[in-house]
Amino acid sequence: MDGLSHHPRLGVFGGTFNPVHLGHLIMAQDAIEAFDLARVLFVPCARPPHKPGADLAPAQHRLSMLETAIEGDLRFELSDMEIQRGGTSYTIDTMRAVAADHPGVELFFIIGADSLVELHLWRDIEALLRLCRIVTIARPGVNLEALQAKDLKLQDPWPERLRADVRIGHLVNVSSTDIRYRIAEGMSIRYLVPPGVEMYIAEHSLYRR
């Protein structure tokens, strides 16, 4: 365990989770296995800085769906800190709050490969990189050889560190956008989301046209 018992590792997974689906849960599990994390904290955002929120389900529904999705998995936890804070959700603010709540814990922020090349646009990215390890769970087929340090548009040593923390996860081609489209078109979302989430969406008539 190379001394990890003294410094438990906590993963933080932010997003709109609109709705949460099996791809999110598998990505969190991949991150746990790849980086030996003790737990993953799911943090749904109030308002995302980089995505227009036209189709965003109310925060309370997104929280309830996440609660249903991770129920019974002791490795997963839910935090409503961004929703409580309100306004636009910035990762640096969240990670400072998580660091304050978890002194002595090694922090990992989990992203997908598509976010990796956008990191240079994030607020206070250098402060964030010093505060936690940003780890990327990529889908199989993402060509990491083609991803060069200069593509990340960050100062050294960050590009090489970020590239070293990319792991290939499972290929799960499920997206919240597709799920919302399927619901609006009256198609099934079975096997794409946990059964409890499917029931919740139906009960509350979410994402209907």
N, C-alpha and C. Protein backbone atom coordinates (compact mmCIF):
# COMPACT_ATOMS: atom_id res chain seq x y z
N MET A 1 0.83 -1.23 0.00
CA MET A 1 0.00 0.00 0.00
C MET A 1 0.85 1.27 0.00
N ASP A 2 2.15 1.16 -0.07
CA ASP A 2 3.11 2.27 -0.09
C ASP A 2 2.64 3.52 0.66
N GLY A 3 2.23 3.30 1.90
CA GLY A 3 1.92 4.44 2.76
C GLY A 3 0.61 5.13 2.46
N LEU A 4 -0.21 4.56 1.58
CA LEU A 4 -1.46 5.24 1.23
C LEU A 4 -2.43 5.26 2.39
N SER A 5 -2.27 4.31 3.31
CA SER A 5 -3.21 4.26 4.43
C SER A 5 -3.13 5.55 5.25
N HIS A 6 -1.95 6.22 5.24
CA HIS A 6 -1.83 7.46 6.00
C HIS A 6 -2.52 8.61 5.26
N HIS A 7 -2.53 8.52 3.97
CA HIS A 7 -3.14 9.58 3.16
C HIS A 7 -4.21 8.97 2.27
N PRO A 8 -5.42 8.84 2.78
CA PRO A 8 -6.47 8.27 1.91
C PRO A 8 -6.66 9.15 0.67
N ARG A 9 -7.00 8.51 -0.41
CA ARG A 9 -7.16 9.23 -1.67
C ARG A 9 -8.65 9.40 -1.97
N LEU A 10 -9.05 10.64 -2.21
CA LEU A 10 -10.44 10.95 -2.50
C LEU A 10 -10.56 11.47 -3.92
N GLY A 11 -11.42 10.84 -4.70
CA GLY A 11 -11.71 11.33 -6.05
C GLY A 11 -12.91 12.26 -6.01
N VAL A 12 -12.89 13.29 -6.82
CA VAL A 12 -14.03 14.21 -6.93
C VAL A 12 -14.46 14.23 -8.39
N PHE A 13 -15.74 14.01 -8.60
CA PHE A 13 -16.29 13.90 -9.95
C PHE A 13 -17.40 14.93 -10.09
N GLY A 14 -17.13 15.99 -10.85
CA GLY A 14 -18.13 17.04 -11.03
C GLY A 14 -18.81 16.91 -12.38
N GLY A 15 -19.96 17.54 -12.50
CA GLY A 15 -20.66 17.51 -13.79
C GLY A 15 -22.09 17.97 -13.62
N THR A 16 -22.81 18.03 -14.73
CA THR A 16 -24.22 18.40 -14.64
C THR A 16 -25.05 17.20 -14.19
N PHE A 17 -24.60 15.98 -14.57
CA PHE A 17 -25.36 14.76 -14.25
C PHE A 17 -26.84 14.96 -14.62
N ASN A 18 -27.04 15.19 -15.90
CA ASN A 18 -28.34 15.65 -16.38
C ASN A 18 -28.88 14.77 -17.52
N PRO A 19 -29.27 13.50 -17.22
CA PRO A 19 -29.23 12.82 -15.92
C PRO A 19 -27.94 12.00 -15.77
N VAL A 20 -27.72 11.51 -14.53
CA VAL A 20 -26.64 10.56 -14.29
C VAL A 20 -26.95 9.28 -15.07
N HIS A 21 -25.90 8.64 -15.62
CA HIS A 21 -26.12 7.40 -16.38
C HIS A 21 -25.01 6.40 -16.06
N LEU A 22 -25.11 5.21 -16.65
CA LEU A 22 -24.16 4.14 -16.33
C LEU A 22 -22.73 4.52 -16.71
N GLY A 23 -22.56 5.33 -17.76
CA GLY A 23 -21.23 5.78 -18.15
C GLY A 23 -20.53 6.53 -17.03
N HIS A 24 -21.28 7.38 -16.32
CA HIS A 24 -20.70 8.12 -15.18
C HIS A 24 -20.23 7.15 -14.09
N LEU A 25 -21.07 6.18 -13.77
CA LEU A 25 -20.76 5.25 -12.67
C LEU A 25 -19.57 4.38 -13.02
N ILE A 26 -19.50 3.95 -14.28
CA ILE A 26 -18.38 3.11 -14.72
C ILE A 26 -17.08 3.93 -14.72
N MET A 27 -17.18 5.19 -15.13
CA MET A 27 -16.00 6.06 -15.13
C MET A 27 -15.48 6.25 -13.71
N ALA A 28 -16.39 6.43 -12.75
CA ALA A 28 -15.97 6.60 -11.35
C ALA A 28 -15.29 5.33 -10.85
N GLN A 29 -15.85 4.19 -11.22
CA GLN A 29 -15.24 2.92 -10.80
C GLN A 29 -13.87 2.73 -11.47
N ASP A 30 -13.76 3.08 -12.74
CA ASP A 30 -12.46 3.00 -13.43
C ASP A 30 -11.42 3.87 -12.71
N ALA A 31 -11.84 5.06 -12.28
CA ALA A 31 -10.92 5.98 -11.59
C ALA A 31 -10.48 5.40 -10.26
N ILE A 32 -11.41 4.79 -9.53
CA ILE A 32 -11.07 4.15 -8.25
C ILE A 32 -10.00 3.10 -8.45
N GLU A 33 -10.18 2.28 -9.48
CA GLU A 33 -9.24 1.18 -9.72
C GLU A 33 -7.91 1.69 -10.26
N ALA A 34 -7.94 2.70 -11.13
CA ALA A 34 -6.71 3.19 -11.75
C ALA A 34 -5.83 3.96 -10.77
N PHE A 35 -6.45 4.66 -9.83
CA PHE A 35 -5.68 5.54 -8.94
C PHE A 35 -5.79 5.15 -7.46
N ASP A 36 -6.33 3.96 -7.20
CA ASP A 36 -6.39 3.44 -5.84
C ASP A 36 -7.10 4.42 -4.91
N LEU A 37 -8.25 4.92 -5.35
CA LEU A 37 -9.02 5.88 -4.54
C LEU A 37 -9.84 5.15 -3.50
N ALA A 38 -9.98 5.77 -2.33
CA ALA A 38 -10.82 5.19 -1.29
C ALA A 38 -12.30 5.43 -1.61
N ARG A 39 -12.58 6.64 -2.13
CA ARG A 39 -13.98 7.01 -2.40
C ARG A 39 -14.03 8.00 -3.56
N VAL A 40 -15.21 8.13 -4.13
CA VAL A 40 -15.44 9.18 -5.13
C VAL A 40 -16.64 10.00 -4.67
N LEU A 41 -16.43 11.32 -4.66
CA LEU A 41 -17.47 12.26 -4.29
C LEU A 41 -18.08 12.84 -5.57
N PHE A 42 -19.36 12.63 -5.77
CA PHE A 42 -20.07 13.17 -6.93
C PHE A 42 -20.58 14.57 -6.57
N VAL A 43 -20.23 15.56 -7.41
CA VAL A 43 -20.61 16.95 -7.11
C VAL A 43 -21.36 17.53 -8.30
N PRO A 44 -22.70 17.44 -8.29
CA PRO A 44 -23.45 18.05 -9.40
C PRO A 44 -23.38 19.58 -9.32
N CYS A 45 -23.23 20.22 -10.48
CA CYS A 45 -23.06 21.67 -10.48
C CYS A 45 -24.41 22.38 -10.45
N ALA A 46 -24.37 23.62 -9.98
CA ALA A 46 -25.57 24.46 -10.00
C ALA A 46 -25.77 24.95 -11.43
N ARG A 47 -24.72 25.64 -11.95
CA ARG A 47 -24.79 26.14 -13.32
C ARG A 47 -23.41 25.98 -13.92
N PRO A 48 -23.26 25.23 -14.99
CA PRO A 48 -21.93 24.97 -15.53
C PRO A 48 -21.40 26.18 -16.32
N PRO A 49 -20.10 26.50 -16.18
CA PRO A 49 -19.56 27.65 -16.92
C PRO A 49 -19.47 27.43 -18.41
N HIS A 50 -19.29 26.16 -18.86
CA HIS A 50 -19.01 25.94 -20.28
C HIS A 50 -20.17 25.33 -21.07
N LYS A 51 -21.32 25.13 -20.39
CA LYS A 51 -22.45 24.53 -21.11
C LYS A 51 -23.68 25.40 -20.89
N PRO A 52 -24.38 25.77 -21.94
CA PRO A 52 -25.64 26.51 -21.74
C PRO A 52 -26.65 25.61 -21.04
N GLY A 53 -27.44 26.18 -20.14
CA GLY A 53 -28.28 25.34 -19.29
C GLY A 53 -29.73 25.23 -19.71
N ALA A 54 -30.01 25.34 -21.01
CA ALA A 54 -31.40 25.34 -21.48
C ALA A 54 -32.12 24.06 -21.06
N ASP A 55 -31.41 22.93 -21.15
CA ASP A 55 -32.04 21.64 -20.96
C ASP A 55 -31.77 21.06 -19.57
N LEU A 56 -31.31 21.92 -18.64
CA LEU A 56 -30.83 21.44 -17.35
C LEU A 56 -32.01 21.19 -16.42
N ALA A 57 -32.15 19.95 -15.95
CA ALA A 57 -33.21 19.64 -14.98
C ALA A 57 -32.92 20.38 -13.67
N PRO A 58 -33.96 20.72 -12.91
CA PRO A 58 -33.74 21.41 -11.64
C PRO A 58 -32.76 20.64 -10.74
N ALA A 59 -32.00 21.40 -9.98
CA ALA A 59 -30.94 20.82 -9.15
C ALA A 59 -31.45 19.70 -8.26
N GLN A 60 -32.62 19.90 -7.67
CA GLN A 60 -33.14 18.90 -6.72
C GLN A 60 -33.37 17.55 -7.42
N HIS A 61 -33.83 17.59 -8.65
CA HIS A 61 -34.04 16.35 -9.40
C HIS A 61 -32.70 15.68 -9.72
N ARG A 62 -31.70 16.48 -10.12
CA ARG A 62 -30.41 15.90 -10.46
C ARG A 62 -29.76 15.27 -9.22
N LEU A 63 -29.93 15.93 -8.08
CA LEU A 63 -29.42 15.37 -6.81
C LEU A 63 -30.13 14.06 -6.47
N SER A 64 -31.45 14.06 -6.60
CA SER A 64 -32.22 12.86 -6.24
C SER A 64 -31.87 11.68 -7.15
N MET A 65 -31.66 11.97 -8.44
CA MET A 65 -31.29 10.89 -9.36
C MET A 65 -29.92 10.31 -9.01
N LEU A 66 -28.98 11.19 -8.64
CA LEU A 66 -27.65 10.73 -8.24
C LEU A 66 -27.73 9.89 -6.97
N GLU A 67 -28.54 10.36 -6.04
CA GLU A 67 -28.71 9.64 -4.77
C GLU A 67 -29.20 8.21 -5.05
N THR A 68 -30.18 8.12 -5.93
CA THR A 68 -30.72 6.82 -6.33
C THR A 68 -29.66 5.96 -7.01
N ALA A 69 -28.86 6.60 -7.88
CA ALA A 69 -27.89 5.86 -8.68
C ALA A 69 -26.77 5.26 -7.84
N ILE A 70 -26.34 5.97 -6.79
CA ILE A 70 -25.16 5.51 -6.04
C ILE A 70 -25.52 4.83 -4.73
N GLU A 71 -26.82 4.74 -4.46
CA GLU A 71 -27.30 4.10 -3.23
C GLU A 71 -26.72 2.68 -3.14
N GLY A 72 -26.20 2.35 -1.98
CA GLY A 72 -25.74 0.98 -1.80
C GLY A 72 -24.30 0.74 -2.23
N ASP A 73 -23.66 1.75 -2.85
CA ASP A 73 -22.25 1.60 -3.17
C ASP A 73 -21.46 2.47 -2.20
N LEU A 74 -20.78 1.84 -1.26
CA LEU A 74 -20.12 2.57 -0.18
C LEU A 74 -18.93 3.38 -0.67
N ARG A 75 -18.48 3.12 -1.90
CA ARG A 75 -17.34 3.88 -2.44
C ARG A 75 -17.77 5.24 -2.98
N PHE A 76 -19.07 5.41 -3.17
CA PHE A 76 -19.58 6.63 -3.79
C PHE A 76 -20.33 7.48 -2.78
N GLU A 77 -20.09 8.80 -2.85
CA GLU A 77 -20.78 9.75 -1.98
C GLU A 77 -21.30 10.91 -2.82
N LEU A 78 -22.28 11.60 -2.28
CA LEU A 78 -22.89 12.72 -2.99
C LEU A 78 -22.66 13.99 -2.20
N SER A 79 -22.31 15.07 -2.89
CA SER A 79 -22.20 16.38 -2.22
C SER A 79 -23.04 17.40 -2.97
N ASP A 80 -23.80 18.18 -2.21
CA ASP A 80 -24.62 19.23 -2.86
C ASP A 80 -23.97 20.61 -2.68
N MET A 81 -22.65 20.64 -2.44
CA MET A 81 -22.02 21.93 -2.11
C MET A 81 -22.15 22.96 -3.23
N GLU A 82 -22.05 22.54 -4.50
CA GLU A 82 -22.15 23.52 -5.59
C GLU A 82 -23.58 24.03 -5.72
N ILE A 83 -24.53 23.14 -5.48
CA ILE A 83 -25.93 23.54 -5.58
C ILE A 83 -26.29 24.49 -4.43
N GLN A 84 -25.77 24.18 -3.23
CA GLN A 84 -25.99 25.07 -2.08
C GLN A 84 -25.36 26.44 -2.34
N ARG A 85 -24.19 26.43 -2.97
CA ARG A 85 -23.48 27.68 -3.23
C ARG A 85 -24.20 28.50 -4.29
N GLY A 86 -24.82 27.81 -5.26
CA GLY A 86 -25.56 28.50 -6.32
C GLY A 86 -24.65 29.23 -7.28
N GLY A 87 -25.23 29.85 -8.29
CA GLY A 87 -24.43 30.58 -9.27
C GLY A 87 -23.65 29.63 -10.17
N THR A 88 -22.68 30.17 -10.88
CA THR A 88 -21.86 29.36 -11.78
C THR A 88 -20.88 28.54 -10.95
N SER A 89 -20.73 27.27 -11.30
CA SER A 89 -19.87 26.37 -10.54
C SER A 89 -18.47 26.35 -11.12
N TYR A 90 -17.49 26.75 -10.33
CA TYR A 90 -16.09 26.68 -10.75
C TYR A 90 -15.38 25.61 -9.93
N THR A 91 -14.63 24.76 -10.62
CA THR A 91 -13.97 23.64 -9.97
C THR A 91 -13.01 24.10 -8.87
N ILE A 92 -12.31 25.22 -9.10
CA ILE A 92 -11.34 25.68 -8.09
C ILE A 92 -12.03 25.97 -6.76
N ASP A 93 -13.20 26.58 -6.80
CA ASP A 93 -13.93 26.88 -5.55
C ASP A 93 -14.32 25.59 -4.84
N THR A 94 -14.80 24.65 -5.64
CA THR A 94 -15.24 23.37 -5.08
C THR A 94 -14.07 22.62 -4.45
N MET A 95 -12.95 22.56 -5.17
CA MET A 95 -11.81 21.80 -4.65
C MET A 95 -11.20 22.45 -3.42
N ARG A 96 -11.25 23.78 -3.34
CA ARG A 96 -10.79 24.45 -2.11
C ARG A 96 -11.69 24.06 -0.94
N ALA A 97 -12.98 23.98 -1.19
CA ALA A 97 -13.92 23.59 -0.13
C ALA A 97 -13.71 22.14 0.28
N VAL A 98 -13.50 21.26 -0.72
CA VAL A 98 -13.25 19.83 -0.42
C VAL A 98 -11.96 19.69 0.38
N ALA A 99 -10.92 20.43 -0.02
CA ALA A 99 -9.63 20.37 0.69
C ALA A 99 -9.79 20.81 2.14
N ALA A 100 -10.59 21.85 2.36
CA ALA A 100 -10.82 22.35 3.72
C ALA A 100 -11.58 21.31 4.56
N ASP A 101 -12.49 20.59 3.91
CA ASP A 101 -13.31 19.58 4.61
C ASP A 101 -12.54 18.29 4.85
N HIS A 102 -11.48 18.04 4.08
CA HIS A 102 -10.76 16.77 4.16
C HIS A 102 -9.25 17.01 4.33
N PRO A 103 -8.84 17.58 5.46
CA PRO A 103 -7.41 17.83 5.64
C PRO A 103 -6.63 16.52 5.61
N GLY A 104 -5.45 16.56 5.01
CA GLY A 104 -4.59 15.37 4.99
C GLY A 104 -4.97 14.32 3.98
N VAL A 105 -5.99 14.62 3.16
CA VAL A 105 -6.43 13.65 2.16
C VAL A 105 -5.85 14.06 0.80
N GLU A 106 -5.39 13.08 0.04
CA GLU A 106 -4.87 13.36 -1.30
C GLU A 106 -6.06 13.47 -2.26
N LEU A 107 -6.15 14.58 -2.97
CA LEU A 107 -7.33 14.86 -3.79
C LEU A 107 -7.07 14.63 -5.27
N PHE A 108 -8.03 13.98 -5.92
CA PHE A 108 -7.98 13.68 -7.35
C PHE A 108 -9.26 14.21 -7.97
N PHE A 109 -9.13 15.01 -9.04
CA PHE A 109 -10.32 15.48 -9.74
C PHE A 109 -10.42 14.71 -11.05
N ILE A 110 -11.56 14.07 -11.27
CA ILE A 110 -11.74 13.13 -12.38
C ILE A 110 -12.40 13.83 -13.58
N ILE A 111 -11.76 13.73 -14.75
CA ILE A 111 -12.34 14.30 -15.96
C ILE A 111 -12.30 13.28 -17.09
N GLY A 112 -13.05 13.57 -18.14
CA GLY A 112 -12.99 12.77 -19.36
C GLY A 112 -12.00 13.40 -20.33
N ALA A 113 -11.61 12.66 -21.34
CA ALA A 113 -10.57 13.13 -22.26
C ALA A 113 -10.98 14.42 -22.97
N ASP A 114 -12.28 14.63 -23.21
CA ASP A 114 -12.71 15.83 -23.91
C ASP A 114 -12.42 17.09 -23.10
N SER A 115 -12.40 16.96 -21.75
CA SER A 115 -12.13 18.13 -20.90
C SER A 115 -10.64 18.46 -20.82
N LEU A 116 -9.80 17.48 -21.13
CA LEU A 116 -8.36 17.65 -20.94
C LEU A 116 -7.82 18.82 -21.77
N VAL A 117 -8.24 18.91 -23.02
CA VAL A 117 -7.72 19.97 -23.89
C VAL A 117 -8.37 21.32 -23.60
N GLU A 118 -9.39 21.34 -22.73
CA GLU A 118 -10.05 22.61 -22.37
C GLU A 118 -9.56 23.16 -21.04
N LEU A 119 -8.71 22.40 -20.35
CA LEU A 119 -8.31 22.81 -18.99
C LEU A 119 -7.71 24.20 -18.94
N HIS A 120 -6.97 24.58 -20.00
CA HIS A 120 -6.32 25.90 -19.98
C HIS A 120 -7.33 27.05 -19.90
N LEU A 121 -8.60 26.75 -20.21
CA LEU A 121 -9.65 27.77 -20.15
C LEU A 121 -10.29 27.85 -18.76
N TRP A 122 -10.00 26.88 -17.90
CA TRP A 122 -10.66 26.84 -16.59
C TRP A 122 -10.13 27.95 -15.70
N ARG A 123 -10.99 28.40 -14.80
CA ARG A 123 -10.61 29.47 -13.87
C ARG A 123 -9.48 29.00 -12.94
N ASP A 124 -8.47 29.84 -12.79
CA ASP A 124 -7.35 29.57 -11.86
C ASP A 124 -6.80 28.16 -12.01
N ILE A 125 -6.57 27.76 -13.25
CA ILE A 125 -6.20 26.36 -13.50
C ILE A 125 -4.88 26.00 -12.80
N GLU A 126 -3.93 26.93 -12.75
CA GLU A 126 -2.64 26.57 -12.13
C GLU A 126 -2.82 26.33 -10.63
N ALA A 127 -3.66 27.13 -9.99
CA ALA A 127 -3.95 26.92 -8.56
C ALA A 127 -4.63 25.56 -8.36
N LEU A 128 -5.52 25.21 -9.28
CA LEU A 128 -6.23 23.93 -9.20
C LEU A 128 -5.24 22.77 -9.35
N LEU A 129 -4.32 22.90 -10.30
CA LEU A 129 -3.35 21.83 -10.53
C LEU A 129 -2.42 21.64 -9.33
N ARG A 130 -2.17 22.70 -8.59
CA ARG A 130 -1.34 22.57 -7.38
C ARG A 130 -2.13 21.94 -6.23
N LEU A 131 -3.45 22.12 -6.27
CA LEU A 131 -4.31 21.68 -5.16
C LEU A 131 -4.65 20.19 -5.24
N CYS A 132 -4.76 19.68 -6.46
CA CYS A 132 -5.19 18.29 -6.61
C CYS A 132 -4.56 17.71 -7.88
N ARG A 133 -4.60 16.39 -8.00
CA ARG A 133 -4.20 15.77 -9.26
C ARG A 133 -5.42 15.69 -10.15
N ILE A 134 -5.30 16.20 -11.36
CA ILE A 134 -6.41 16.07 -12.31
C ILE A 134 -6.13 14.82 -13.13
N VAL A 135 -7.02 13.85 -13.02
CA VAL A 135 -6.81 12.56 -13.67
C VAL A 135 -7.88 12.35 -14.74
N THR A 136 -7.44 11.83 -15.87
CA THR A 136 -8.31 11.70 -17.03
C THR A 136 -8.62 10.23 -17.28
N ILE A 137 -9.91 9.92 -17.35
CA ILE A 137 -10.33 8.57 -17.74
C ILE A 137 -10.80 8.66 -19.18
N ALA A 138 -9.99 8.12 -20.08
CA ALA A 138 -10.27 8.24 -21.51
C ALA A 138 -11.01 7.01 -22.01
N ARG A 139 -11.79 7.21 -23.04
CA ARG A 139 -12.44 6.07 -23.69
C ARG A 139 -11.40 5.34 -24.54
N PRO A 140 -11.53 4.02 -24.69
CA PRO A 140 -10.65 3.32 -25.61
C PRO A 140 -10.76 3.97 -26.98
N GLY A 141 -9.65 4.05 -27.69
CA GLY A 141 -9.70 4.67 -29.01
C GLY A 141 -9.26 6.12 -29.00
N VAL A 142 -9.18 6.73 -27.80
CA VAL A 142 -8.63 8.09 -27.73
C VAL A 142 -7.13 7.96 -27.99
N ASN A 143 -6.64 8.68 -28.98
CA ASN A 143 -5.25 8.53 -29.37
C ASN A 143 -4.37 9.45 -28.51
N LEU A 144 -3.79 8.86 -27.46
CA LEU A 144 -2.99 9.65 -26.53
C LEU A 144 -1.65 10.03 -27.12
N GLU A 145 -1.16 9.22 -28.06
CA GLU A 145 0.12 9.55 -28.70
C GLU A 145 -0.03 10.87 -29.46
N ALA A 146 -1.22 11.06 -30.02
CA ALA A 146 -1.46 12.27 -30.81
C ALA A 146 -1.61 13.50 -29.92
N LEU A 147 -1.92 13.26 -28.64
CA LEU A 147 -2.11 14.38 -27.72
C LEU A 147 -0.74 14.86 -27.23
N GLN A 148 -0.29 15.95 -27.78
CA GLN A 148 1.04 16.44 -27.41
C GLN A 148 0.94 17.47 -26.30
N ALA A 149 2.05 17.61 -25.59
CA ALA A 149 2.07 18.54 -24.45
C ALA A 149 1.62 19.94 -24.87
N LYS A 150 2.04 20.37 -26.06
CA LYS A 150 1.69 21.74 -26.48
C LYS A 150 0.19 21.91 -26.71
N ASP A 151 -0.50 20.79 -26.99
CA ASP A 151 -1.96 20.88 -27.20
C ASP A 151 -2.69 21.32 -25.92
N LEU A 152 -2.05 21.12 -24.79
CA LEU A 152 -2.73 21.43 -23.52
C LEU A 152 -2.61 22.91 -23.16
N LYS A 153 -1.70 23.62 -23.84
CA LYS A 153 -1.59 25.09 -23.70
C LYS A 153 -1.39 25.53 -22.25
N LEU A 154 -0.61 24.75 -21.50
CA LEU A 154 -0.32 25.08 -20.10
C LEU A 154 1.18 25.18 -19.91
N GLN A 155 1.58 25.87 -18.84
CA GLN A 155 3.01 25.98 -18.52
C GLN A 155 3.55 24.63 -18.05
N ASP A 156 4.86 24.41 -18.23
CA ASP A 156 5.50 23.24 -17.63
C ASP A 156 5.43 23.40 -16.10
N PRO A 157 5.37 22.31 -15.34
CA PRO A 157 5.45 20.91 -15.74
C PRO A 157 4.09 20.28 -16.01
N TRP A 158 3.03 21.09 -16.08
CA TRP A 158 1.68 20.52 -16.05
C TRP A 158 1.34 19.63 -17.24
N PRO A 159 1.68 20.01 -18.49
CA PRO A 159 1.26 19.14 -19.60
C PRO A 159 1.75 17.70 -19.45
N GLU A 160 3.02 17.52 -19.07
CA GLU A 160 3.54 16.15 -18.94
C GLU A 160 2.88 15.41 -17.78
N ARG A 161 2.64 16.11 -16.70
CA ARG A 161 1.99 15.47 -15.54
C ARG A 161 0.57 15.04 -15.90
N LEU A 162 -0.12 15.90 -16.60
CA LEU A 162 -1.50 15.57 -17.00
C LEU A 162 -1.51 14.38 -17.95
N ARG A 163 -0.57 14.37 -18.88
CA ARG A 163 -0.52 13.24 -19.83
C ARG A 163 -0.19 11.94 -19.11
N ALA A 164 0.64 12.04 -18.06
CA ALA A 164 1.01 10.83 -17.30
C ALA A 164 -0.16 10.29 -16.48
N ASP A 165 -1.14 11.15 -16.21
CA ASP A 165 -2.29 10.74 -15.40
C ASP A 165 -3.53 10.42 -16.24
N VAL A 166 -3.32 10.05 -17.49
CA VAL A 166 -4.43 9.59 -18.34
C VAL A 166 -4.47 8.07 -18.27
N ARG A 167 -5.66 7.52 -18.03
CA ARG A 167 -5.84 6.07 -18.04
C ARG A 167 -6.97 5.74 -19.00
N ILE A 168 -6.87 4.57 -19.62
CA ILE A 168 -7.95 4.14 -20.51
C ILE A 168 -8.98 3.39 -19.67
N GLY A 169 -10.23 3.86 -19.75
CA GLY A 169 -11.30 3.20 -19.02
C GLY A 169 -12.07 2.27 -19.96
N HIS A 170 -13.30 1.99 -19.58
CA HIS A 170 -14.16 1.15 -20.43
C HIS A 170 -14.83 2.00 -21.49
N LEU A 171 -15.11 1.40 -22.61
CA LEU A 171 -15.82 2.12 -23.67
C LEU A 171 -17.31 2.07 -23.37
N VAL A 172 -17.85 3.18 -22.92
CA VAL A 172 -19.29 3.23 -22.65
C VAL A 172 -19.82 4.45 -23.40
N ASN A 173 -20.43 4.17 -24.53
CA ASN A 173 -20.87 5.29 -25.36
C ASN A 173 -22.29 5.70 -24.98
N VAL A 174 -22.39 6.23 -23.76
CA VAL A 174 -23.69 6.70 -23.27
C VAL A 174 -23.52 8.17 -22.94
N SER A 175 -24.42 9.01 -23.39
CA SER A 175 -24.33 10.42 -23.03
C SER A 175 -25.68 10.92 -22.53
N SER A 176 -25.61 11.92 -21.65
CA SER A 176 -26.84 12.53 -21.14
C SER A 176 -27.64 13.16 -22.27
N THR A 177 -26.94 13.72 -23.24
CA THR A 177 -27.61 14.35 -24.39
C THR A 177 -28.47 13.33 -25.14
N ASP A 178 -27.89 12.15 -25.38
CA ASP A 178 -28.61 11.09 -26.08
C ASP A 178 -29.80 10.61 -25.26
N ILE A 179 -29.61 10.50 -23.95
CA ILE A 179 -30.70 10.04 -23.08
C ILE A 179 -31.86 11.04 -23.12
N ARG A 180 -31.53 12.33 -23.03
CA ARG A 180 -32.60 13.34 -23.08
C ARG A 180 -33.33 13.29 -24.43
N TYR A 181 -32.57 13.09 -25.50
CA TYR A 181 -33.16 12.98 -26.84
C TYR A 181 -34.11 11.78 -26.89
N ARG A 182 -33.65 10.64 -26.38
CA ARG A 182 -34.46 9.42 -26.42
C ARG A 182 -35.76 9.60 -25.64
N ILE A 183 -35.67 10.25 -24.49
CA ILE A 183 -36.88 10.47 -23.68
C ILE A 183 -37.85 11.37 -24.46
N ALA A 184 -37.31 12.44 -25.04
CA ALA A 184 -38.17 13.37 -25.79
C ALA A 184 -38.84 12.68 -26.97
N GLU A 185 -38.15 11.68 -27.55
CA GLU A 185 -38.69 10.95 -28.70
C GLU A 185 -39.52 9.74 -28.29
N GLY A 186 -39.68 9.53 -26.99
CA GLY A 186 -40.48 8.41 -26.51
C GLY A 186 -39.77 7.06 -26.62
N MET A 187 -38.44 7.07 -26.71
CA MET A 187 -37.68 5.81 -26.81
C MET A 187 -37.23 5.35 -25.42
N SER A 188 -36.84 4.07 -25.35
CA SER A 188 -36.45 3.49 -24.07
C SER A 188 -35.06 3.95 -23.64
N ILE A 189 -34.88 4.14 -22.33
CA ILE A 189 -33.54 4.43 -21.79
C ILE A 189 -33.09 3.30 -20.88
N ARG A 190 -33.81 2.18 -20.93
CA ARG A 190 -33.40 1.03 -20.14
C ARG A 190 -31.98 0.61 -20.52
N TYR A 191 -31.22 0.15 -19.55
CA TYR A 191 -29.81 -0.28 -19.72
C TYR A 191 -28.84 0.88 -19.93
N LEU A 192 -29.35 2.12 -20.00
CA LEU A 192 -28.46 3.28 -20.13
C LEU A 192 -28.30 4.00 -18.79
N VAL A 193 -29.33 3.89 -17.97
CA VAL A 193 -29.30 4.50 -16.63
C VAL A 193 -29.68 3.42 -15.61
N PRO A 194 -29.31 3.60 -14.34
CA PRO A 194 -29.76 2.63 -13.33
C PRO A 194 -31.29 2.59 -13.29
N PRO A 195 -31.88 1.42 -12.96
CA PRO A 195 -33.33 1.29 -12.96
C PRO A 195 -34.03 2.34 -12.11
N GLY A 196 -33.46 2.68 -10.96
CA GLY A 196 -34.08 3.69 -10.08
C GLY A 196 -34.14 5.06 -10.74
N VAL A 197 -33.13 5.36 -11.55
CA VAL A 197 -33.09 6.65 -12.25
C VAL A 197 -34.14 6.66 -13.36
N GLU A 198 -34.26 5.54 -14.04
CA GLU A 198 -35.29 5.43 -15.09
C GLU A 198 -36.68 5.66 -14.49
N MET A 199 -36.94 5.04 -13.33
CA MET A 199 -38.24 5.22 -12.67
C MET A 199 -38.44 6.67 -12.24
N TYR A 200 -37.40 7.27 -11.70
CA TYR A 200 -37.49 8.65 -11.21
C TYR A 200 -37.84 9.60 -12.36
N ILE A 201 -37.16 9.42 -13.50
CA ILE A 201 -37.40 10.28 -14.66
C ILE A 201 -38.85 10.16 -15.13
N ALA A 202 -39.36 8.90 -15.14
CA ALA A 202 -40.74 8.67 -15.56
C ALA A 202 -41.73 9.29 -14.58
N GLU A 203 -41.48 9.07 -13.28
CA GLU A 203 -42.40 9.60 -12.25
C GLU A 203 -42.49 11.11 -12.29
N HIS A 204 -41.36 11.77 -12.59
CA HIS A 204 -41.35 13.24 -12.54
C HIS A 204 -41.46 13.86 -13.94
N SER A 205 -41.72 13.02 -14.93
CA SER A 205 -41.87 13.50 -16.33
C SER A 205 -40.75 14.43 -16.76
N LEU A 206 -39.51 14.03 -16.45
CA LEU A 206 -38.37 14.87 -16.83
C LEU A 206 -38.02 14.68 -18.31
N TYR A 207 -37.49 15.74 -18.88
CA TYR A 207 -36.93 15.73 -20.25
C TYR A 207 -37.95 15.42 -21.34
N ARG A 208 -39.24 15.54 -21.00
CA ARG A 208 -40.25 15.34 -22.05
C ARG A 208 -40.29 16.59 -22.93
N ARG A 209 -40.79 16.41 -24.13
CA ARG A 209 -40.96 17.59 -24.98
C ARG A 209 -42.09 18.44 -24.44
